[in-house]
Amino acid sequence: MSRIVKASGIASVVMFASAAAIAAPLPLKPGTYVREGVACHGAPFAAQFDYKNEEFAYPHATHCVTKITEHHGNMYKTTQTCSALGDGTPATPSSSAQEYEIISPSRLSVKQTIDGHEDKSTFRLCKAVN
C-alpha cells in the first residue's frame, strides 16, 4: 500500500499549488482501476491497481510511499518507492516516477518512467473485476 505525503525541503522542485492541495488525496473515487481496452471482469493483475484513501496498491508491489512533487490543475507529478512484494515479503526498495492526469473522479491517465522507459495508459474505475 502507499501513502501520499507532502514533499518538502526539496529546493529543486517547483510547487505549483498550495501546501494544502499537495497534502490532499488525489480527487479519485476509491476502488479498482483497470486499463482501458481491458474488460473489468477477469482483468489481469498487470492491468489494474487499487486506490483507497490516498493509498495505491499493486499486485506486485506493496509498502509504497508516494510523494507529490508537483501539482497544477488536474496534473499530479509523483515519485513512488515500494519496499515489498505484492504479498508483503520485504524486497529491495525500488523507485519510479508517475504523472497522473485526473480526467474525472473515475478515470485517469498514468504516465510513469521505470528504468528510463516511459509508459502512458488510461485507467477507469471498475465495479466488478474478478
N, C-alpha and C. Protein backbone atom coordinates (compact mmCIF):
# COMPACT_ATOMS: atom_id res chain seq x y z
N MET A 1 0.84 -1.16 0.00
CA MET A 1 0.00 0.00 0.00
C MET A 1 0.90 1.23 0.00
N SER A 2 0.38 2.32 -0.44
CA SER A 2 1.16 3.54 -0.45
C SER A 2 0.42 4.64 0.27
N ARG A 3 1.14 5.67 0.59
CA ARG A 3 0.55 6.80 1.27
C ARG A 3 1.02 8.04 0.57
N ILE A 4 0.13 8.97 0.26
CA ILE A 4 0.52 10.21 -0.37
C ILE A 4 0.92 11.18 0.72
N VAL A 5 2.12 11.72 0.63
CA VAL A 5 2.61 12.65 1.61
C VAL A 5 3.12 13.90 0.92
N LYS A 6 3.14 15.02 1.61
CA LYS A 6 3.60 16.27 1.04
C LYS A 6 5.12 16.24 0.91
N ALA A 7 5.63 16.58 -0.26
CA ALA A 7 7.07 16.69 -0.46
C ALA A 7 7.51 18.03 0.09
N SER A 8 8.54 18.03 0.92
CA SER A 8 9.00 19.29 1.49
C SER A 8 10.52 19.28 1.58
N GLY A 9 11.11 20.46 1.67
CA GLY A 9 12.53 20.57 1.84
C GLY A 9 13.34 20.24 0.60
N ILE A 10 12.73 20.26 -0.56
CA ILE A 10 13.45 19.96 -1.79
C ILE A 10 13.52 21.24 -2.60
N ALA A 11 14.69 21.88 -2.57
CA ALA A 11 14.83 23.19 -3.19
C ALA A 11 14.69 23.14 -4.69
N SER A 12 15.00 22.03 -5.33
CA SER A 12 14.98 21.96 -6.79
C SER A 12 13.59 21.71 -7.37
N VAL A 13 12.60 21.49 -6.53
CA VAL A 13 11.25 21.21 -7.00
C VAL A 13 10.42 22.48 -6.94
N VAL A 14 9.77 22.83 -8.03
CA VAL A 14 8.90 23.99 -8.07
C VAL A 14 7.48 23.51 -7.80
N MET A 15 6.84 24.06 -6.78
CA MET A 15 5.48 23.67 -6.45
C MET A 15 4.52 24.64 -7.14
N PHE A 16 3.48 24.11 -7.77
CA PHE A 16 2.51 24.91 -8.49
C PHE A 16 1.19 25.03 -7.75
N ALA A 17 1.11 24.56 -6.53
CA ALA A 17 -0.13 24.61 -5.77
C ALA A 17 0.18 24.89 -4.32
N SER A 18 -0.85 25.23 -3.57
CA SER A 18 -0.66 25.50 -2.16
C SER A 18 -0.32 24.22 -1.42
N ALA A 19 0.26 24.37 -0.24
CA ALA A 19 0.61 23.20 0.57
C ALA A 19 -0.62 22.37 0.90
N ALA A 20 -1.77 23.02 1.10
CA ALA A 20 -2.99 22.28 1.43
C ALA A 20 -3.39 21.36 0.29
N ALA A 21 -3.25 21.81 -0.96
CA ALA A 21 -3.62 20.98 -2.10
C ALA A 21 -2.65 19.81 -2.26
N ILE A 22 -1.38 20.02 -1.96
CA ILE A 22 -0.39 18.96 -2.11
C ILE A 22 -0.66 17.83 -1.11
N ALA A 23 -1.10 18.16 0.10
CA ALA A 23 -1.32 17.15 1.13
C ALA A 23 -2.63 16.40 0.93
N ALA A 24 -3.52 16.90 0.11
CA ALA A 24 -4.83 16.29 -0.09
C ALA A 24 -4.71 15.05 -0.96
N PRO A 25 -5.66 14.11 -0.82
CA PRO A 25 -5.64 12.93 -1.69
C PRO A 25 -5.97 13.32 -3.13
N LEU A 26 -5.60 12.46 -4.05
CA LEU A 26 -5.99 12.69 -5.44
C LEU A 26 -7.52 12.65 -5.52
N PRO A 27 -8.11 13.46 -6.38
CA PRO A 27 -9.58 13.51 -6.47
C PRO A 27 -10.16 12.33 -7.25
N LEU A 28 -9.96 11.13 -6.71
CA LEU A 28 -10.43 9.90 -7.34
C LEU A 28 -11.37 9.15 -6.41
N LYS A 29 -12.31 8.44 -6.99
CA LYS A 29 -13.17 7.56 -6.21
C LYS A 29 -12.35 6.34 -5.81
N PRO A 30 -12.59 5.80 -4.62
CA PRO A 30 -11.87 4.59 -4.23
C PRO A 30 -12.34 3.37 -5.01
N GLY A 31 -11.45 2.43 -5.22
CA GLY A 31 -11.81 1.19 -5.90
C GLY A 31 -10.70 0.67 -6.78
N THR A 32 -11.05 -0.26 -7.63
CA THR A 32 -10.09 -0.90 -8.54
C THR A 32 -10.18 -0.24 -9.91
N TYR A 33 -9.04 0.17 -10.43
CA TYR A 33 -8.94 0.80 -11.74
C TYR A 33 -8.30 -0.18 -12.70
N VAL A 34 -8.88 -0.28 -13.90
CA VAL A 34 -8.40 -1.22 -14.92
C VAL A 34 -8.07 -0.43 -16.19
N ARG A 35 -7.01 -0.84 -16.85
CA ARG A 35 -6.56 -0.18 -18.08
C ARG A 35 -7.67 -0.21 -19.12
N GLU A 36 -7.90 0.92 -19.79
CA GLU A 36 -8.90 0.97 -20.85
C GLU A 36 -8.54 -0.02 -21.95
N GLY A 37 -9.57 -0.66 -22.51
CA GLY A 37 -9.36 -1.67 -23.53
C GLY A 37 -9.29 -3.07 -22.96
N VAL A 38 -9.28 -3.18 -21.62
CA VAL A 38 -9.26 -4.47 -20.94
C VAL A 38 -10.59 -4.61 -20.20
N ALA A 39 -11.24 -5.76 -20.33
CA ALA A 39 -12.52 -5.98 -19.64
C ALA A 39 -12.32 -5.92 -18.14
N CYS A 40 -13.27 -5.32 -17.44
CA CYS A 40 -13.20 -5.24 -15.98
C CYS A 40 -13.24 -6.63 -15.36
N HIS A 41 -14.21 -7.43 -15.76
CA HIS A 41 -14.35 -8.77 -15.19
C HIS A 41 -13.22 -9.66 -15.68
N GLY A 42 -12.45 -10.19 -14.75
CA GLY A 42 -11.34 -11.07 -15.12
C GLY A 42 -10.10 -10.34 -15.59
N ALA A 43 -9.99 -9.05 -15.32
CA ALA A 43 -8.82 -8.29 -15.76
C ALA A 43 -7.54 -8.87 -15.17
N PRO A 44 -6.48 -8.99 -15.97
CA PRO A 44 -5.22 -9.49 -15.43
C PRO A 44 -4.65 -8.51 -14.40
N PHE A 45 -3.95 -9.03 -13.42
CA PHE A 45 -3.39 -8.19 -12.37
C PHE A 45 -2.50 -7.09 -12.93
N ALA A 46 -1.78 -7.37 -14.01
CA ALA A 46 -0.87 -6.39 -14.59
C ALA A 46 -1.60 -5.18 -15.17
N ALA A 47 -2.92 -5.28 -15.36
CA ALA A 47 -3.69 -4.18 -15.96
C ALA A 47 -4.55 -3.47 -14.93
N GLN A 48 -4.27 -3.62 -13.64
CA GLN A 48 -5.11 -3.00 -12.62
C GLN A 48 -4.31 -2.52 -11.42
N PHE A 49 -4.92 -1.62 -10.66
CA PHE A 49 -4.40 -1.19 -9.36
C PHE A 49 -5.58 -0.74 -8.51
N ASP A 50 -5.37 -0.68 -7.21
CA ASP A 50 -6.40 -0.21 -6.28
C ASP A 50 -6.02 1.17 -5.77
N TYR A 51 -7.04 2.00 -5.54
CA TYR A 51 -6.84 3.31 -4.92
C TYR A 51 -7.87 3.44 -3.82
N LYS A 52 -7.41 3.63 -2.59
CA LYS A 52 -8.30 3.78 -1.45
C LYS A 52 -7.69 4.73 -0.44
N ASN A 53 -8.41 5.80 -0.13
CA ASN A 53 -8.00 6.72 0.93
C ASN A 53 -6.53 7.15 0.84
N GLU A 54 -6.17 7.72 -0.28
CA GLU A 54 -4.82 8.23 -0.53
C GLU A 54 -3.79 7.13 -0.76
N GLU A 55 -4.20 5.88 -0.86
CA GLU A 55 -3.23 4.79 -0.99
C GLU A 55 -3.41 4.03 -2.29
N PHE A 56 -2.29 3.69 -2.93
CA PHE A 56 -2.28 2.85 -4.12
C PHE A 56 -1.81 1.46 -3.72
N ALA A 57 -2.34 0.45 -4.34
CA ALA A 57 -1.90 -0.93 -4.12
C ALA A 57 -1.79 -1.61 -5.48
N TYR A 58 -0.73 -2.37 -5.65
CA TYR A 58 -0.45 -3.05 -6.91
C TYR A 58 -0.29 -4.53 -6.65
N PRO A 59 -0.55 -5.37 -7.63
CA PRO A 59 -0.42 -6.82 -7.42
C PRO A 59 1.01 -7.27 -7.11
N HIS A 60 2.01 -6.55 -7.59
CA HIS A 60 3.39 -6.99 -7.44
C HIS A 60 4.24 -6.09 -6.56
N ALA A 61 3.65 -5.05 -5.97
CA ALA A 61 4.42 -4.13 -5.12
C ALA A 61 3.51 -3.56 -4.03
N THR A 62 4.02 -3.59 -2.80
CA THR A 62 3.30 -3.01 -1.67
C THR A 62 4.29 -2.24 -0.80
N HIS A 63 3.81 -1.75 0.31
CA HIS A 63 4.61 -0.91 1.21
C HIS A 63 5.20 0.24 0.40
N CYS A 64 4.34 0.91 -0.35
CA CYS A 64 4.75 2.00 -1.23
C CYS A 64 4.48 3.35 -0.56
N VAL A 65 5.39 4.28 -0.75
CA VAL A 65 5.21 5.65 -0.29
C VAL A 65 5.23 6.53 -1.52
N THR A 66 4.19 7.32 -1.70
CA THR A 66 4.07 8.21 -2.85
C THR A 66 4.21 9.64 -2.38
N LYS A 67 5.07 10.41 -3.05
CA LYS A 67 5.24 11.83 -2.73
C LYS A 67 4.81 12.65 -3.94
N ILE A 68 3.93 13.61 -3.71
CA ILE A 68 3.54 14.54 -4.77
C ILE A 68 4.64 15.59 -4.86
N THR A 69 5.26 15.69 -6.03
CA THR A 69 6.33 16.66 -6.22
C THR A 69 5.87 17.92 -6.94
N GLU A 70 4.81 17.81 -7.76
CA GLU A 70 4.22 18.96 -8.45
C GLU A 70 2.73 18.73 -8.60
N HIS A 71 1.97 19.83 -8.58
CA HIS A 71 0.53 19.75 -8.80
C HIS A 71 0.10 21.03 -9.50
N HIS A 72 -0.58 20.87 -10.63
CA HIS A 72 -1.09 22.02 -11.38
C HIS A 72 -2.39 21.59 -12.04
N GLY A 73 -3.52 22.17 -11.61
CA GLY A 73 -4.81 21.80 -12.18
C GLY A 73 -5.11 20.33 -11.92
N ASN A 74 -5.35 19.59 -12.98
CA ASN A 74 -5.66 18.16 -12.83
C ASN A 74 -4.43 17.26 -13.03
N MET A 75 -3.24 17.85 -13.05
CA MET A 75 -1.99 17.11 -13.25
C MET A 75 -1.23 16.99 -11.92
N TYR A 76 -0.80 15.77 -11.61
CA TYR A 76 -0.03 15.49 -10.40
C TYR A 76 1.22 14.72 -10.78
N LYS A 77 2.39 15.24 -10.44
CA LYS A 77 3.64 14.51 -10.64
C LYS A 77 4.04 13.93 -9.29
N THR A 78 4.44 12.65 -9.30
CA THR A 78 4.79 11.98 -8.06
C THR A 78 6.04 11.14 -8.23
N THR A 79 6.64 10.78 -7.11
CA THR A 79 7.64 9.73 -7.06
C THR A 79 7.12 8.69 -6.08
N GLN A 80 7.41 7.44 -6.35
CA GLN A 80 6.90 6.36 -5.51
C GLN A 80 8.01 5.36 -5.25
N THR A 81 8.15 4.97 -3.99
CA THR A 81 9.12 3.96 -3.60
C THR A 81 8.38 2.81 -2.92
N CYS A 82 8.58 1.60 -3.43
CA CYS A 82 7.94 0.41 -2.87
C CYS A 82 9.03 -0.49 -2.28
N SER A 83 8.75 -1.07 -1.10
CA SER A 83 9.76 -1.87 -0.42
C SER A 83 9.31 -3.29 -0.09
N ALA A 84 8.25 -3.76 -0.76
CA ALA A 84 7.81 -5.14 -0.54
C ALA A 84 7.13 -5.67 -1.79
N LEU A 85 7.10 -6.99 -1.90
CA LEU A 85 6.39 -7.64 -3.00
C LEU A 85 4.89 -7.56 -2.73
N GLY A 86 4.08 -7.98 -3.68
CA GLY A 86 2.63 -7.91 -3.55
C GLY A 86 2.08 -8.64 -2.35
N ASP A 87 2.77 -9.70 -1.90
CA ASP A 87 2.30 -10.45 -0.73
C ASP A 87 2.86 -9.90 0.58
N GLY A 88 3.62 -8.80 0.51
CA GLY A 88 4.18 -8.17 1.70
C GLY A 88 5.58 -8.62 2.05
N THR A 89 6.16 -9.56 1.30
CA THR A 89 7.52 -10.01 1.55
C THR A 89 8.49 -8.85 1.30
N PRO A 90 9.37 -8.53 2.27
CA PRO A 90 10.32 -7.43 2.07
C PRO A 90 11.16 -7.63 0.80
N ALA A 91 11.46 -6.52 0.15
CA ALA A 91 12.26 -6.54 -1.08
C ALA A 91 13.13 -5.30 -1.11
N THR A 92 14.12 -5.31 -1.98
CA THR A 92 14.96 -4.12 -2.16
C THR A 92 14.07 -2.98 -2.65
N PRO A 93 14.11 -1.82 -1.97
CA PRO A 93 13.26 -0.72 -2.41
C PRO A 93 13.54 -0.32 -3.85
N SER A 94 12.47 -0.04 -4.59
CA SER A 94 12.61 0.44 -5.96
C SER A 94 11.74 1.68 -6.12
N SER A 95 12.21 2.61 -6.92
CA SER A 95 11.51 3.88 -7.10
C SER A 95 11.12 4.09 -8.55
N SER A 96 10.05 4.84 -8.75
CA SER A 96 9.61 5.21 -10.09
C SER A 96 8.92 6.56 -10.01
N ALA A 97 8.82 7.22 -11.14
CA ALA A 97 8.13 8.50 -11.23
C ALA A 97 6.84 8.29 -12.01
N GLN A 98 5.77 8.94 -11.56
CA GLN A 98 4.49 8.87 -12.24
C GLN A 98 3.95 10.29 -12.44
N GLU A 99 3.12 10.41 -13.46
CA GLU A 99 2.38 11.65 -13.69
C GLU A 99 0.93 11.25 -13.89
N TYR A 100 0.06 11.78 -13.04
CA TYR A 100 -1.37 11.46 -13.11
C TYR A 100 -2.13 12.63 -13.70
N GLU A 101 -2.95 12.36 -14.70
CA GLU A 101 -3.89 13.35 -15.22
C GLU A 101 -5.27 12.85 -14.82
N ILE A 102 -5.93 13.58 -13.93
CA ILE A 102 -7.25 13.20 -13.46
C ILE A 102 -8.27 13.68 -14.49
N ILE A 103 -8.83 12.77 -15.25
CA ILE A 103 -9.80 13.10 -16.29
C ILE A 103 -11.18 13.30 -15.69
N SER A 104 -11.52 12.46 -14.72
CA SER A 104 -12.77 12.56 -13.96
C SER A 104 -12.54 11.82 -12.65
N PRO A 105 -13.47 11.87 -11.71
CA PRO A 105 -13.27 11.15 -10.45
C PRO A 105 -13.16 9.63 -10.61
N SER A 106 -13.47 9.11 -11.80
CA SER A 106 -13.38 7.66 -12.00
C SER A 106 -12.55 7.28 -13.23
N ARG A 107 -11.72 8.22 -13.72
CA ARG A 107 -10.90 7.95 -14.90
C ARG A 107 -9.64 8.80 -14.83
N LEU A 108 -8.49 8.19 -15.16
CA LEU A 108 -7.23 8.92 -15.13
C LEU A 108 -6.24 8.33 -16.11
N SER A 109 -5.30 9.18 -16.52
CA SER A 109 -4.17 8.71 -17.32
C SER A 109 -2.95 8.69 -16.41
N VAL A 110 -2.13 7.66 -16.58
CA VAL A 110 -0.93 7.50 -15.77
C VAL A 110 0.26 7.41 -16.72
N LYS A 111 1.22 8.29 -16.50
CA LYS A 111 2.47 8.23 -17.23
C LYS A 111 3.55 7.94 -16.20
N GLN A 112 4.30 6.86 -16.42
CA GLN A 112 5.35 6.52 -15.48
C GLN A 112 6.64 6.20 -16.21
N THR A 113 7.73 6.44 -15.51
CA THR A 113 9.05 6.14 -16.03
C THR A 113 9.72 5.16 -15.09
N ILE A 114 10.08 3.99 -15.60
CA ILE A 114 10.77 2.97 -14.81
C ILE A 114 12.02 2.57 -15.57
N ASP A 115 13.15 2.71 -14.91
CA ASP A 115 14.44 2.37 -15.53
C ASP A 115 14.62 3.05 -16.89
N GLY A 116 14.19 4.31 -16.99
CA GLY A 116 14.36 5.08 -18.21
C GLY A 116 13.33 4.83 -19.29
N HIS A 117 12.38 3.94 -19.06
CA HIS A 117 11.34 3.64 -20.05
C HIS A 117 10.03 4.29 -19.64
N GLU A 118 9.40 4.97 -20.58
CA GLU A 118 8.16 5.69 -20.31
C GLU A 118 6.95 4.94 -20.83
N ASP A 119 5.86 4.94 -20.03
CA ASP A 119 4.61 4.28 -20.41
C ASP A 119 3.47 5.20 -20.02
N LYS A 120 2.49 5.36 -20.91
CA LYS A 120 1.30 6.15 -20.59
C LYS A 120 0.07 5.32 -20.91
N SER A 121 -0.81 5.19 -19.91
CA SER A 121 -2.02 4.40 -20.05
C SER A 121 -3.18 5.11 -19.37
N THR A 122 -4.38 4.86 -19.85
CA THR A 122 -5.58 5.41 -19.23
C THR A 122 -6.31 4.28 -18.52
N PHE A 123 -6.79 4.56 -17.32
CA PHE A 123 -7.50 3.59 -16.50
C PHE A 123 -8.85 4.15 -16.12
N ARG A 124 -9.81 3.22 -15.90
CA ARG A 124 -11.14 3.63 -15.43
C ARG A 124 -11.53 2.76 -14.25
N LEU A 125 -12.40 3.31 -13.40
CA LEU A 125 -12.89 2.61 -12.23
C LEU A 125 -13.81 1.47 -12.68
N CYS A 126 -13.60 0.30 -12.10
CA CYS A 126 -14.44 -0.86 -12.41
C CYS A 126 -15.09 -1.36 -11.13
N LYS A 127 -16.37 -1.71 -11.22
CA LYS A 127 -17.08 -2.21 -10.04
C LYS A 127 -16.83 -3.69 -9.82
N ALA A 128 -16.86 -4.49 -10.85
CA ALA A 128 -16.62 -5.94 -10.73
C ALA A 128 -15.37 -6.29 -11.52
N VAL A 129 -14.33 -6.75 -10.83
CA VAL A 129 -13.07 -7.03 -11.51
C VAL A 129 -12.84 -8.53 -11.67
N ASN A 130 -12.93 -9.29 -10.61
CA ASN A 130 -12.65 -10.74 -10.70
C ASN A 130 -13.81 -11.56 -10.24
